[in-house]
Amino acid sequence: GDSANYVDSVKGRFTIFRDNAKNLVCLQMNSLKPEDTAVYYCNAYFR
């Protein structure tokens, strides 16, 4: 949880954060625009 990256179109508006104790990841989305309309998917990647 100590580093995060964003696509340019959401920088400054969206924030990703996680709670490893709760097995939870969130995406806070502010100043939403019509172009943010989409289906949003959570992804986990390691092995």
ModelCIF file with pLDDT and N, C-alpha, C, O atoms, coordinates in Angstrom:
data_MODEL
#
_entry.id   MODEL 
#
_entity.id                         1 
_entity.type                       polymer 
_entity.pdbx_number_of_molecules   1 
#
_entity_poly.entity_id                      1 
_entity_poly.type                           'polypeptide(L)' 
_entity_poly.nstd_linkage                   no 
_entity_poly.nstd_monomer                   no 
_entity_poly.pdbx_seq_one_letter_code       GDSANYVDSVKGRFTIFRDNAKNLVCLQMNSLKPEDTAVYYCNAYFR 
_entity_poly.pdbx_seq_one_letter_code_can   GDSANYVDSVKGRFTIFRDNAKNLVCLQMNSLKPEDTAVYYCNAYFR 
_entity_poly.pdbx_strand_id                 A 
#
loop_
_entity_poly_seq.entity_id 
_entity_poly_seq.num 
_entity_poly_seq.mon_id 
_entity_poly_seq.hetero 
1 1  GLY n 
1 2  ASP n 
1 3  SER n 
1 4  ALA n 
1 5  ASN n 
1 6  TYR n 
1 7  VAL n 
1 8  ASP n 
1 9  SER n 
1 10 VAL n 
1 11 LYS n 
1 12 GLY n 
1 13 ARG n 
1 14 PHE n 
1 15 THR n 
1 16 ILE n 
1 17 PHE n 
1 18 ARG n 
1 19 ASP n 
1 20 ASN n 
1 21 ALA n 
1 22 LYS n 
1 23 ASN n 
1 24 LEU n 
1 25 VAL n 
1 26 CYS n 
1 27 LEU n 
1 28 GLN n 
1 29 MET n 
1 30 ASN n 
1 31 SER n 
1 32 LEU n 
1 33 LYS n 
1 34 PRO n 
1 35 GLU n 
1 36 ASP n 
1 37 THR n 
1 38 ALA n 
1 39 VAL n 
1 40 TYR n 
1 41 TYR n 
1 42 CYS n 
1 43 ASN n 
1 44 ALA n 
1 45 TYR n 
1 46 PHE n 
1 47 ARG n 
#
_struct_asym.id          A 
_struct_asym.entity_id   1 
#
loop_
_ma_qa_metric.id 
_ma_qa_metric.mode 
_ma_qa_metric.name 
_ma_qa_metric.software_group_id 
_ma_qa_metric.type 
1 global pLDDT . pLDDT 
2 local  pLDDT . pLDDT 
#
_ma_qa_metric_global.metric_id      1 
_ma_qa_metric_global.metric_value   97.45 
_ma_qa_metric_global.model_id       1 
_ma_qa_metric_global.ordinal_id     1 
#
loop_
_ma_qa_metric_local.label_asym_id 
_ma_qa_metric_local.label_comp_id 
_ma_qa_metric_local.label_seq_id 
_ma_qa_metric_local.metric_id 
_ma_qa_metric_local.metric_value 
_ma_qa_metric_local.model_id 
_ma_qa_metric_local.ordinal_id 
A GLY 1  2 96.00 1 1  
A ASP 2  2 96.00 1 2  
A SER 3  2 98.00 1 3  
A ALA 4  2 98.00 1 4  
A ASN 5  2 98.00 1 5  
A TYR 6  2 98.00 1 6  
A VAL 7  2 98.00 1 7  
A ASP 8  2 98.00 1 8  
A SER 9  2 97.00 1 9  
A VAL 10 2 98.00 1 10 
A LYS 11 2 98.00 1 11 
A GLY 12 2 98.00 1 12 
A ARG 13 2 98.00 1 13 
A PHE 14 2 98.00 1 14 
A THR 15 2 98.00 1 15 
A ILE 16 2 98.00 1 16 
A PHE 17 2 98.00 1 17 
A ARG 18 2 98.00 1 18 
A ASP 19 2 98.00 1 19 
A ASN 20 2 98.00 1 20 
A ALA 21 2 98.00 1 21 
A LYS 22 2 98.00 1 22 
A ASN 23 2 98.00 1 23 
A LEU 24 2 98.00 1 24 
A VAL 25 2 98.00 1 25 
A CYS 26 2 98.00 1 26 
A LEU 27 2 98.00 1 27 
A GLN 28 2 98.00 1 28 
A MET 29 2 98.00 1 29 
A ASN 30 2 98.00 1 30 
A SER 31 2 98.00 1 31 
A LEU 32 2 98.00 1 32 
A LYS 33 2 98.00 1 33 
A PRO 34 2 97.00 1 34 
A GLU 35 2 97.00 1 35 
A ASP 36 2 98.00 1 36 
A THR 37 2 98.00 1 37 
A ALA 38 2 98.00 1 38 
A VAL 39 2 98.00 1 39 
A TYR 40 2 98.00 1 40 
A TYR 41 2 98.00 1 41 
A CYS 42 2 98.00 1 42 
A ASN 43 2 98.00 1 43 
A ALA 44 2 98.00 1 44 
A TYR 45 2 96.00 1 45 
A PHE 46 2 93.00 1 46 
A ARG 47 2 86.00 1 47 
#
loop_
_atom_site.group_PDB 
_atom_site.id 
_atom_site.type_symbol 
_atom_site.label_atom_id 
_atom_site.label_alt_id 
_atom_site.label_comp_id 
_atom_site.label_asym_id 
_atom_site.label_entity_id 
_atom_site.label_seq_id 
_atom_site.pdbx_PDB_ins_code 
_atom_site.Cartn_x 
_atom_site.Cartn_y 
_atom_site.Cartn_z 
_atom_site.occupancy 
_atom_site.B_iso_or_equiv 
_atom_site.pdbx_formal_charge 
_atom_site.auth_seq_id 
_atom_site.auth_comp_id 
_atom_site.auth_asym_id 
_atom_site.auth_atom_id 
_atom_site.pdbx_PDB_model_num 
ATOM 1   N N  . GLY A 1 1  ? 0.783   -1.231  0.000   1.00 96.00 ? 1  GLY A N  1 
ATOM 2   C CA . GLY A 1 1  ? 0.000   0.000   0.000   1.00 96.00 ? 1  GLY A CA 1 
ATOM 3   C C  . GLY A 1 1  ? 0.811   1.276   0.000   1.00 96.00 ? 1  GLY A C  1 
ATOM 4   O O  . GLY A 1 1  ? 0.250   2.362   0.140   1.00 96.00 ? 1  GLY A O  1 
ATOM 5   N N  . ASP A 1 2  ? 2.126   1.168   -0.155  1.00 96.00 ? 2  ASP A N  1 
ATOM 6   C CA . ASP A 1 2  ? 2.949   2.369   -0.038  1.00 96.00 ? 2  ASP A CA 1 
ATOM 7   C C  . ASP A 1 2  ? 3.214   3.065   -1.366  1.00 96.00 ? 2  ASP A C  1 
ATOM 8   O O  . ASP A 1 2  ? 3.871   4.105   -1.401  1.00 96.00 ? 2  ASP A O  1 
ATOM 9   N N  . SER A 1 3  ? 2.714   2.505   -2.444  1.00 98.00 ? 3  SER A N  1 
ATOM 10  C CA . SER A 1 3  ? 2.837   3.199   -3.724  1.00 98.00 ? 3  SER A CA 1 
ATOM 11  C C  . SER A 1 3  ? 1.628   2.900   -4.591  1.00 98.00 ? 3  SER A C  1 
ATOM 12  O O  . SER A 1 3  ? 1.045   1.817   -4.531  1.00 98.00 ? 3  SER A O  1 
ATOM 13  N N  . ALA A 1 4  ? 1.268   3.883   -5.396  1.00 98.00 ? 4  ALA A N  1 
ATOM 14  C CA . ALA A 1 4  ? 0.104   3.760   -6.261  1.00 98.00 ? 4  ALA A CA 1 
ATOM 15  C C  . ALA A 1 4  ? 0.376   4.465   -7.581  1.00 98.00 ? 4  ALA A C  1 
ATOM 16  O O  . ALA A 1 4  ? 1.171   5.403   -7.653  1.00 98.00 ? 4  ALA A O  1 
ATOM 17  N N  . ASN A 1 5  ? -0.293  3.999   -8.608  1.00 98.00 ? 5  ASN A N  1 
ATOM 18  C CA . ASN A 1 5  ? -0.177  4.610   -9.926  1.00 98.00 ? 5  ASN A CA 1 
ATOM 19  C C  . ASN A 1 5  ? -1.565  4.806   -10.518 1.00 98.00 ? 5  ASN A C  1 
ATOM 20  O O  . ASN A 1 5  ? -2.494  4.052   -10.229 1.00 98.00 ? 5  ASN A O  1 
ATOM 21  N N  . TYR A 1 6  ? -1.687  5.830   -11.349 1.00 98.00 ? 6  TYR A N  1 
ATOM 22  C CA . TYR A 1 6  ? -2.981  6.172   -11.930 1.00 98.00 ? 6  TYR A CA 1 
ATOM 23  C C  . TYR A 1 6  ? -2.835  6.479   -13.412 1.00 98.00 ? 6  TYR A C  1 
ATOM 24  O O  . TYR A 1 6  ? -1.800  6.970   -13.862 1.00 98.00 ? 6  TYR A O  1 
ATOM 25  N N  . VAL A 1 7  ? -3.884  6.182   -14.158 1.00 98.00 ? 7  VAL A N  1 
ATOM 26  C CA . VAL A 1 7  ? -3.936  6.655   -15.531 1.00 98.00 ? 7  VAL A CA 1 
ATOM 27  C C  . VAL A 1 7  ? -4.084  8.170   -15.503 1.00 98.00 ? 7  VAL A C  1 
ATOM 28  O O  . VAL A 1 7  ? -4.708  8.721   -14.596 1.00 98.00 ? 7  VAL A O  1 
ATOM 29  N N  . ASP A 1 8  ? -3.519  8.831   -16.483 1.00 98.00 ? 8  ASP A N  1 
ATOM 30  C CA . ASP A 1 8  ? -3.487  10.295  -16.462 1.00 98.00 ? 8  ASP A CA 1 
ATOM 31  C C  . ASP A 1 8  ? -4.876  10.919  -16.325 1.00 98.00 ? 8  ASP A C  1 
ATOM 32  O O  . ASP A 1 8  ? -5.031  11.954  -15.677 1.00 98.00 ? 8  ASP A O  1 
ATOM 33  N N  . SER A 1 9  ? -5.870  10.300  -16.924 1.00 97.00 ? 9  SER A N  1 
ATOM 34  C CA . SER A 1 9  ? -7.206  10.895  -16.955 1.00 97.00 ? 9  SER A CA 1 
ATOM 35  C C  . SER A 1 9  ? -7.881  10.964  -15.587 1.00 97.00 ? 9  SER A C  1 
ATOM 36  O O  . SER A 1 9  ? -8.867  11.684  -15.425 1.00 97.00 ? 9  SER A O  1 
ATOM 37  N N  . VAL A 1 10 ? -7.370  10.231  -14.604 1.00 98.00 ? 10 VAL A N  1 
ATOM 38  C CA . VAL A 1 10 ? -8.003  10.247  -13.278 1.00 98.00 ? 10 VAL A CA 1 
ATOM 39  C C  . VAL A 1 10 ? -7.099  10.828  -12.198 1.00 98.00 ? 10 VAL A C  1 
ATOM 40  O O  . VAL A 1 10 ? -7.514  10.947  -11.045 1.00 98.00 ? 10 VAL A O  1 
ATOM 41  N N  . LYS A 1 11 ? -5.874  11.190  -12.552 1.00 98.00 ? 11 LYS A N  1 
ATOM 42  C CA . LYS A 1 11 ? -4.950  11.742  -11.556 1.00 98.00 ? 11 LYS A CA 1 
ATOM 43  C C  . LYS A 1 11 ? -5.533  12.996  -10.921 1.00 98.00 ? 11 LYS A C  1 
ATOM 44  O O  . LYS A 1 11 ? -6.041  13.881  -11.609 1.00 98.00 ? 11 LYS A O  1 
ATOM 45  N N  . GLY A 1 12 ? -5.451  13.053  -9.600  1.00 98.00 ? 12 GLY A N  1 
ATOM 46  C CA . GLY A 1 12 ? -5.988  14.181  -8.866  1.00 98.00 ? 12 GLY A CA 1 
ATOM 47  C C  . GLY A 1 12 ? -7.463  14.065  -8.534  1.00 98.00 ? 12 GLY A C  1 
ATOM 48  O O  . GLY A 1 12 ? -7.989  14.862  -7.758  1.00 98.00 ? 12 GLY A O  1 
ATOM 49  N N  . ARG A 1 13 ? -8.141  13.070  -9.118  1.00 98.00 ? 13 ARG A N  1 
ATOM 50  C CA . ARG A 1 13 ? -9.573  12.875  -8.861  1.00 98.00 ? 13 ARG A CA 1 
ATOM 51  C C  . ARG A 1 13 ? -9.856  11.561  -8.150  1.00 98.00 ? 13 ARG A C  1 
ATOM 52  O O  . ARG A 1 13 ? -10.750 11.482  -7.307  1.00 98.00 ? 13 ARG A O  1 
ATOM 53  N N  . PHE A 1 14 ? -9.098  10.539  -8.489  1.00 98.00 ? 14 PHE A N  1 
ATOM 54  C CA . PHE A 1 14 ? -9.308  9.205   -7.922  1.00 98.00 ? 14 PHE A CA 1 
ATOM 55  C C  . PHE A 1 14 ? -8.172  8.866   -6.967  1.00 98.00 ? 14 PHE A C  1 
ATOM 56  O O  . PHE A 1 14 ? -7.031  9.286   -7.157  1.00 98.00 ? 14 PHE A O  1 
ATOM 57  N N  . THR A 1 15 ? -8.508  8.098   -5.939  1.00 98.00 ? 15 THR A N  1 
ATOM 58  C CA . THR A 1 15 ? -7.512  7.605   -4.983  1.00 98.00 ? 15 THR A CA 1 
ATOM 59  C C  . THR A 1 15 ? -7.769  6.131   -4.705  1.00 98.00 ? 15 THR A C  1 
ATOM 60  O O  . THR A 1 15 ? -8.883  5.740   -4.358  1.00 98.00 ? 15 THR A O  1 
ATOM 61  N N  . ILE A 1 16 ? -6.735  5.323   -4.859  1.00 98.00 ? 16 ILE A N  1 
ATOM 62  C CA . ILE A 1 16 ? -6.825  3.903   -4.528  1.00 98.00 ? 16 ILE A CA 1 
ATOM 63  C C  . ILE A 1 16 ? -6.167  3.685   -3.173  1.00 98.00 ? 16 ILE A C  1 
ATOM 64  O O  . ILE A 1 16 ? -5.111  4.250   -2.888  1.00 98.00 ? 16 ILE A O  1 
ATOM 65  N N  . PHE A 1 17 ? -6.794  2.867   -2.346  1.00 98.00 ? 17 PHE A N  1 
ATOM 66  C CA . PHE A 1 17 ? -6.197  2.534   -1.062  1.00 98.00 ? 17 PHE A CA 1 
ATOM 67  C C  . PHE A 1 17 ? -6.641  1.132   -0.664  1.00 98.00 ? 17 PHE A C  1 
ATOM 68  O O  . PHE A 1 17 ? -7.621  0.602   -1.188  1.00 98.00 ? 17 PHE A O  1 
ATOM 69  N N  . ARG A 1 18 ? -5.906  0.545   0.268   1.00 98.00 ? 18 ARG A N  1 
ATOM 70  C CA . ARG A 1 18 ? -6.188  -0.831  0.664   1.00 98.00 ? 18 ARG A CA 1 
ATOM 71  C C  . ARG A 1 18 ? -6.031  -0.984  2.173   1.00 98.00 ? 18 ARG A C  1 
ATOM 72  O O  . ARG A 1 18 ? -5.331  -0.219  2.838   1.00 98.00 ? 18 ARG A O  1 
ATOM 73  N N  . ASP A 1 19 ? -6.706  -1.995  2.675   1.00 98.00 ? 19 ASP A N  1 
ATOM 74  C CA . ASP A 1 19 ? -6.592  -2.385  4.080   1.00 98.00 ? 19 ASP A CA 1 
ATOM 75  C C  . ASP A 1 19 ? -6.277  -3.875  4.096   1.00 98.00 ? 19 ASP A C  1 
ATOM 76  O O  . ASP A 1 19 ? -7.171  -4.701  3.909   1.00 98.00 ? 19 ASP A O  1 
ATOM 77  N N  . ASN A 1 20 ? -5.025  -4.218  4.315   1.00 98.00 ? 20 ASN A N  1 
ATOM 78  C CA . ASN A 1 20 ? -4.629  -5.623  4.264   1.00 98.00 ? 20 ASN A CA 1 
ATOM 79  C C  . ASN A 1 20 ? -5.186  -6.431  5.429   1.00 98.00 ? 20 ASN A C  1 
ATOM 80  O O  . ASN A 1 20 ? -5.303  -7.653  5.337   1.00 98.00 ? 20 ASN A O  1 
ATOM 81  N N  . ALA A 1 21 ? -5.525  -5.769  6.504   1.00 98.00 ? 21 ALA A N  1 
ATOM 82  C CA . ALA A 1 21 ? -6.132  -6.477  7.637   1.00 98.00 ? 21 ALA A CA 1 
ATOM 83  C C  . ALA A 1 21 ? -7.560  -6.910  7.327   1.00 98.00 ? 21 ALA A C  1 
ATOM 84  O O  . ALA A 1 21 ? -8.060  -7.890  7.881   1.00 98.00 ? 21 ALA A O  1 
ATOM 85  N N  . LYS A 1 22 ? -8.210  -6.164  6.431   1.00 98.00 ? 22 LYS A N  1 
ATOM 86  C CA . LYS A 1 22 ? -9.600  -6.454  6.081   1.00 98.00 ? 22 LYS A CA 1 
ATOM 87  C C  . LYS A 1 22 ? -9.747  -7.066  4.699   1.00 98.00 ? 22 LYS A C  1 
ATOM 88  O O  . LYS A 1 22 ? -10.861 -7.342  4.253   1.00 98.00 ? 22 LYS A O  1 
ATOM 89  N N  . ASN A 1 23 ? -8.606  -7.282  4.010   1.00 98.00 ? 23 ASN A N  1 
ATOM 90  C CA . ASN A 1 23 ? -8.652  -7.826  2.640   1.00 98.00 ? 23 ASN A CA 1 
ATOM 91  C C  . ASN A 1 23 ? -9.557  -6.973  1.753   1.00 98.00 ? 23 ASN A C  1 
ATOM 92  O O  . ASN A 1 23 ? -10.442 -7.479  1.064   1.00 98.00 ? 23 ASN A O  1 
ATOM 93  N N  . LEU A 1 24 ? -9.310  -5.680  1.792   1.00 98.00 ? 24 LEU A N  1 
ATOM 94  C CA . LEU A 1 24 ? -10.187 -4.734  1.116   1.00 98.00 ? 24 LEU A CA 1 
ATOM 95  C C  . LEU A 1 24 ? -9.359  -3.736  0.317   1.00 98.00 ? 24 LEU A C  1 
ATOM 96  O O  . LEU A 1 24 ? -8.340  -3.240  0.798   1.00 98.00 ? 24 LEU A O  1 
ATOM 97  N N  . VAL A 1 25 ? -9.799  -3.445  -0.902  1.00 98.00 ? 25 VAL A N  1 
ATOM 98  C CA . VAL A 1 25 ? -9.210  -2.368  -1.688  1.00 98.00 ? 25 VAL A CA 1 
ATOM 99  C C  . VAL A 1 25 ? -10.345 -1.483  -2.184  1.00 98.00 ? 25 VAL A C  1 
ATOM 100 O O  . VAL A 1 25 ? -11.403 -1.971  -2.581  1.00 98.00 ? 25 VAL A O  1 
ATOM 101 N N  . CYS A 1 26 ? -10.113 -0.193  -2.155  1.00 98.00 ? 26 CYS A N  1 
ATOM 102 C CA . CYS A 1 26 ? -11.148 0.774   -2.507  1.00 98.00 ? 26 CYS A CA 1 
ATOM 103 C C  . CYS A 1 26 ? -10.642 1.759   -3.549  1.00 98.00 ? 26 CYS A C  1 
ATOM 104 O O  . CYS A 1 26 ? -9.440  1.977   -3.702  1.00 98.00 ? 26 CYS A O  1 
ATOM 105 N N  . LEU A 1 27 ? -11.578 2.333   -4.245  1.00 98.00 ? 27 LEU A N  1 
ATOM 106 C CA . LEU A 1 27 ? -11.275 3.397   -5.195  1.00 98.00 ? 27 LEU A CA 1 
ATOM 107 C C  . LEU A 1 27 ? -12.216 4.560   -4.892  1.00 98.00 ? 27 LEU A C  1 
ATOM 108 O O  . LEU A 1 27 ? -13.421 4.482   -5.132  1.00 98.00 ? 27 LEU A O  1 
ATOM 109 N N  . GLN A 1 28 ? -11.646 5.627   -4.366  1.00 98.00 ? 28 GLN A N  1 
ATOM 110 C CA . GLN A 1 28 ? -12.418 6.840   -4.105  1.00 98.00 ? 28 GLN A CA 1 
ATOM 111 C C  . GLN A 1 28 ? -12.397 7.682   -5.373  1.00 98.00 ? 28 GLN A C  1 
ATOM 112 O O  . GLN A 1 28 ? -11.329 8.052   -5.862  1.00 98.00 ? 28 GLN A O  1 
ATOM 113 N N  . MET A 1 29 ? -13.567 7.979   -5.899  1.00 98.00 ? 29 MET A N  1 
ATOM 114 C CA . MET A 1 29 ? -13.678 8.710   -7.151  1.00 98.00 ? 29 MET A CA 1 
ATOM 115 C C  . MET A 1 29 ? -14.401 10.027  -6.901  1.00 98.00 ? 29 MET A C  1 
ATOM 116 O O  . MET A 1 29 ? -15.571 10.034  -6.520  1.00 98.00 ? 29 MET A O  1 
ATOM 117 N N  . ASN A 1 30 ? -13.717 11.124  -7.113  1.00 98.00 ? 30 ASN A N  1 
ATOM 118 C CA . ASN A 1 30 ? -14.282 12.456  -6.936  1.00 98.00 ? 30 ASN A CA 1 
ATOM 119 C C  . ASN A 1 30 ? -14.325 13.184  -8.272  1.00 98.00 ? 30 ASN A C  1 
ATOM 120 O O  . ASN A 1 30 ? -13.674 12.786  -9.239  1.00 98.00 ? 30 ASN A O  1 
ATOM 121 N N  . SER A 1 31 ? -15.096 14.246  -8.304  1.00 98.00 ? 31 SER A N  1 
ATOM 122 C CA . SER A 1 31 ? -15.209 15.075  -9.513  1.00 98.00 ? 31 SER A CA 1 
ATOM 123 C C  . SER A 1 31 ? -15.477 14.212  -10.744 1.00 98.00 ? 31 SER A C  1 
ATOM 124 O O  . SER A 1 31 ? -14.814 14.351  -11.772 1.00 98.00 ? 31 SER A O  1 
ATOM 125 N N  . LEU A 1 32 ? -16.429 13.346  -10.628 1.00 98.00 ? 32 LEU A N  1 
ATOM 126 C CA . LEU A 1 32 ? -16.710 12.397  -11.708 1.00 98.00 ? 32 LEU A CA 1 
ATOM 127 C C  . LEU A 1 32 ? -17.184 13.109  -12.971 1.00 98.00 ? 32 LEU A C  1 
ATOM 128 O O  . LEU A 1 32 ? -17.883 14.121  -12.922 1.00 98.00 ? 32 LEU A O  1 
ATOM 129 N N  . LYS A 1 33 ? -16.776 12.542  -14.100 1.00 98.00 ? 33 LYS A N  1 
ATOM 130 C CA . LYS A 1 33 ? -17.108 13.082  -15.415 1.00 98.00 ? 33 LYS A CA 1 
ATOM 131 C C  . LYS A 1 33 ? -17.885 12.035  -16.214 1.00 98.00 ? 33 LYS A C  1 
ATOM 132 O O  . LYS A 1 33 ? -17.780 10.842  -15.927 1.00 98.00 ? 33 LYS A O  1 
ATOM 133 N N  . PRO A 1 34 ? -18.652 12.457  -17.200 1.00 97.00 ? 34 PRO A N  1 
ATOM 134 C CA . PRO A 1 34 ? -19.371 11.474  -18.024 1.00 97.00 ? 34 PRO A CA 1 
ATOM 135 C C  . PRO A 1 34 ? -18.435 10.424  -18.633 1.00 97.00 ? 34 PRO A C  1 
ATOM 136 O O  . PRO A 1 34 ? -18.832 9.272   -18.809 1.00 97.00 ? 34 PRO A O  1 
ATOM 137 N N  . GLU A 1 35 ? -17.223 10.806  -18.949 1.00 97.00 ? 35 GLU A N  1 
ATOM 138 C CA . GLU A 1 35 ? -16.279 9.855   -19.539 1.00 97.00 ? 35 GLU A CA 1 
ATOM 139 C C  . GLU A 1 35 ? -15.758 8.819   -18.544 1.00 97.00 ? 35 GLU A C  1 
ATOM 140 O O  . GLU A 1 35 ? -15.031 7.905   -18.931 1.00 97.00 ? 35 GLU A O  1 
ATOM 141 N N  . ASP A 1 36 ? -16.119 8.951   -17.275 1.00 98.00 ? 36 ASP A N  1 
ATOM 142 C CA . ASP A 1 36 ? -15.788 7.915   -16.290 1.00 98.00 ? 36 ASP A CA 1 
ATOM 143 C C  . ASP A 1 36 ? -16.814 6.780   -16.298 1.00 98.00 ? 36 ASP A C  1 
ATOM 144 O O  . ASP A 1 36 ? -16.628 5.771   -15.618 1.00 98.00 ? 36 ASP A O  1 
ATOM 145 N N  . THR A 1 37 ? -17.874 6.939   -17.049 1.00 98.00 ? 37 THR A N  1 
ATOM 146 C CA . THR A 1 37 ? -18.896 5.901   -17.144 1.00 98.00 ? 37 THR A CA 1 
ATOM 147 C C  . THR A 1 37 ? -18.297 4.622   -17.697 1.00 98.00 ? 37 THR A C  1 
ATOM 148 O O  . THR A 1 37 ? -17.710 4.617   -18.779 1.00 98.00 ? 37 THR A O  1 
ATOM 149 N N  . ALA A 1 38 ? -18.446 3.537   -16.952 1.00 98.00 ? 38 ALA A N  1 
ATOM 150 C CA . ALA A 1 38 ? -17.861 2.256   -17.339 1.00 98.00 ? 38 ALA A CA 1 
ATOM 151 C C  . ALA A 1 38 ? -18.242 1.204   -16.307 1.00 98.00 ? 38 ALA A C  1 
ATOM 152 O O  . ALA A 1 38 ? -18.782 1.511   -15.244 1.00 98.00 ? 38 ALA A O  1 
ATOM 153 N N  . VAL A 1 39 ? -17.947 -0.034  -16.649 1.00 98.00 ? 39 VAL A N  1 
ATOM 154 C CA . VAL A 1 39 ? -17.951 -1.097  -15.642 1.00 98.00 ? 39 VAL A CA 1 
ATOM 155 C C  . VAL A 1 39 ? -16.557 -1.145  -15.052 1.00 98.00 ? 39 VAL A C  1 
ATOM 156 O O  . VAL A 1 39 ? -15.566 -1.226  -15.777 1.00 98.00 ? 39 VAL A O  1 
ATOM 157 N N  . TYR A 1 40 ? -16.487 -1.096  -13.741 1.00 98.00 ? 40 TYR A N  1 
ATOM 158 C CA . TYR A 1 40 ? -15.206 -1.088  -13.029 1.00 98.00 ? 40 TYR A CA 1 
ATOM 159 C C  . TYR A 1 40 ? -14.942 -2.477  -12.442 1.00 98.00 ? 40 TYR A C  1 
ATOM 160 O O  . TYR A 1 40 ? -15.798 -3.075  -11.791 1.00 98.00 ? 40 TYR A O  1 
ATOM 161 N N  . TYR A 1 41 ? -13.732 -2.961  -12.695 1.00 98.00 ? 41 TYR A N  1 
ATOM 162 C CA . TYR A 1 41 ? -13.346 -4.299  -12.264 1.00 98.00 ? 41 TYR A CA 1 
ATOM 163 C C  . TYR A 1 41 ? -12.168 -4.241  -11.291 1.00 98.00 ? 41 TYR A C  1 
ATOM 164 O O  . TYR A 1 41 ? -11.229 -3.464  -11.465 1.00 98.00 ? 41 TYR A O  1 
ATOM 165 N N  . CYS A 1 42 ? -12.245 -5.072  -10.284 1.00 98.00 ? 42 CYS A N  1 
ATOM 166 C CA . CYS A 1 42 ? -11.157 -5.246  -9.342  1.00 98.00 ? 42 CYS A CA 1 
ATOM 167 C C  . CYS A 1 42 ? -10.245 -6.361  -9.861  1.00 98.00 ? 42 CYS A C  1 
ATOM 168 O O  . CYS A 1 42 ? -10.719 -7.367  -10.388 1.00 98.00 ? 42 CYS A O  1 
ATOM 169 N N  . ASN A 1 43 ? -8.948  -6.170  -9.706  1.00 98.00 ? 43 ASN A N  1 
ATOM 170 C CA . ASN A 1 43 ? -7.980  -7.158  -10.193 1.00 98.00 ? 43 ASN A CA 1 
ATOM 171 C C  . ASN A 1 43 ? -6.918  -7.395  -9.134  1.00 98.00 ? 43 ASN A C  1 
ATOM 172 O O  . ASN A 1 43 ? -6.460  -6.464  -8.472  1.00 98.00 ? 43 ASN A O  1 
ATOM 173 N N  . ALA A 1 44 ? -6.536  -8.653  -8.984  1.00 98.00 ? 44 ALA A N  1 
ATOM 174 C CA . ALA A 1 44 ? -5.448  -9.029  -8.086  1.00 98.00 ? 44 ALA A CA 1 
ATOM 175 C C  . ALA A 1 44 ? -4.386  -9.743  -8.896  1.00 98.00 ? 44 ALA A C  1 
ATOM 176 O O  . ALA A 1 44 ? -4.690  -10.663 -9.656  1.00 98.00 ? 44 ALA A O  1 
ATOM 177 N N  . TYR A 1 45 ? -3.141  -9.321  -8.737  1.00 96.00 ? 45 TYR A N  1 
ATOM 178 C CA . TYR A 1 45 ? -2.070  -9.931  -9.527  1.00 96.00 ? 45 TYR A CA 1 
ATOM 179 C C  . TYR A 1 45 ? -0.861  -10.212 -8.653  1.00 96.00 ? 45 TYR A C  1 
ATOM 180 O O  . TYR A 1 45 ? -0.356  -9.333  -7.955  1.00 96.00 ? 45 TYR A O  1 
ATOM 181 N N  . PHE A 1 46 ? -0.406  -11.459 -8.707  1.00 93.00 ? 46 PHE A N  1 
ATOM 182 C CA . PHE A 1 46 ? 0.878   -11.862 -8.130  1.00 93.00 ? 46 PHE A CA 1 
ATOM 183 C C  . PHE A 1 46 ? 1.376   -13.033 -8.958  1.00 93.00 ? 46 PHE A C  1 
ATOM 184 O O  . PHE A 1 46 ? 1.925   -12.835 -10.042 1.00 93.00 ? 46 PHE A O  1 
ATOM 185 N N  . ARG A 1 47 ? 1.197   -14.230 -8.472  1.00 86.00 ? 47 ARG A N  1 
ATOM 186 C CA . ARG A 1 47 ? 1.522   -15.386 -9.304  1.00 86.00 ? 47 ARG A CA 1 
ATOM 187 C C  . ARG A 1 47 ? 0.379   -15.709 -10.254 1.00 86.00 ? 47 ARG A C  1 
ATOM 188 O O  . ARG A 1 47 ? 0.474   -16.655 -11.035 1.00 86.00 ? 47 ARG A O  1 
#
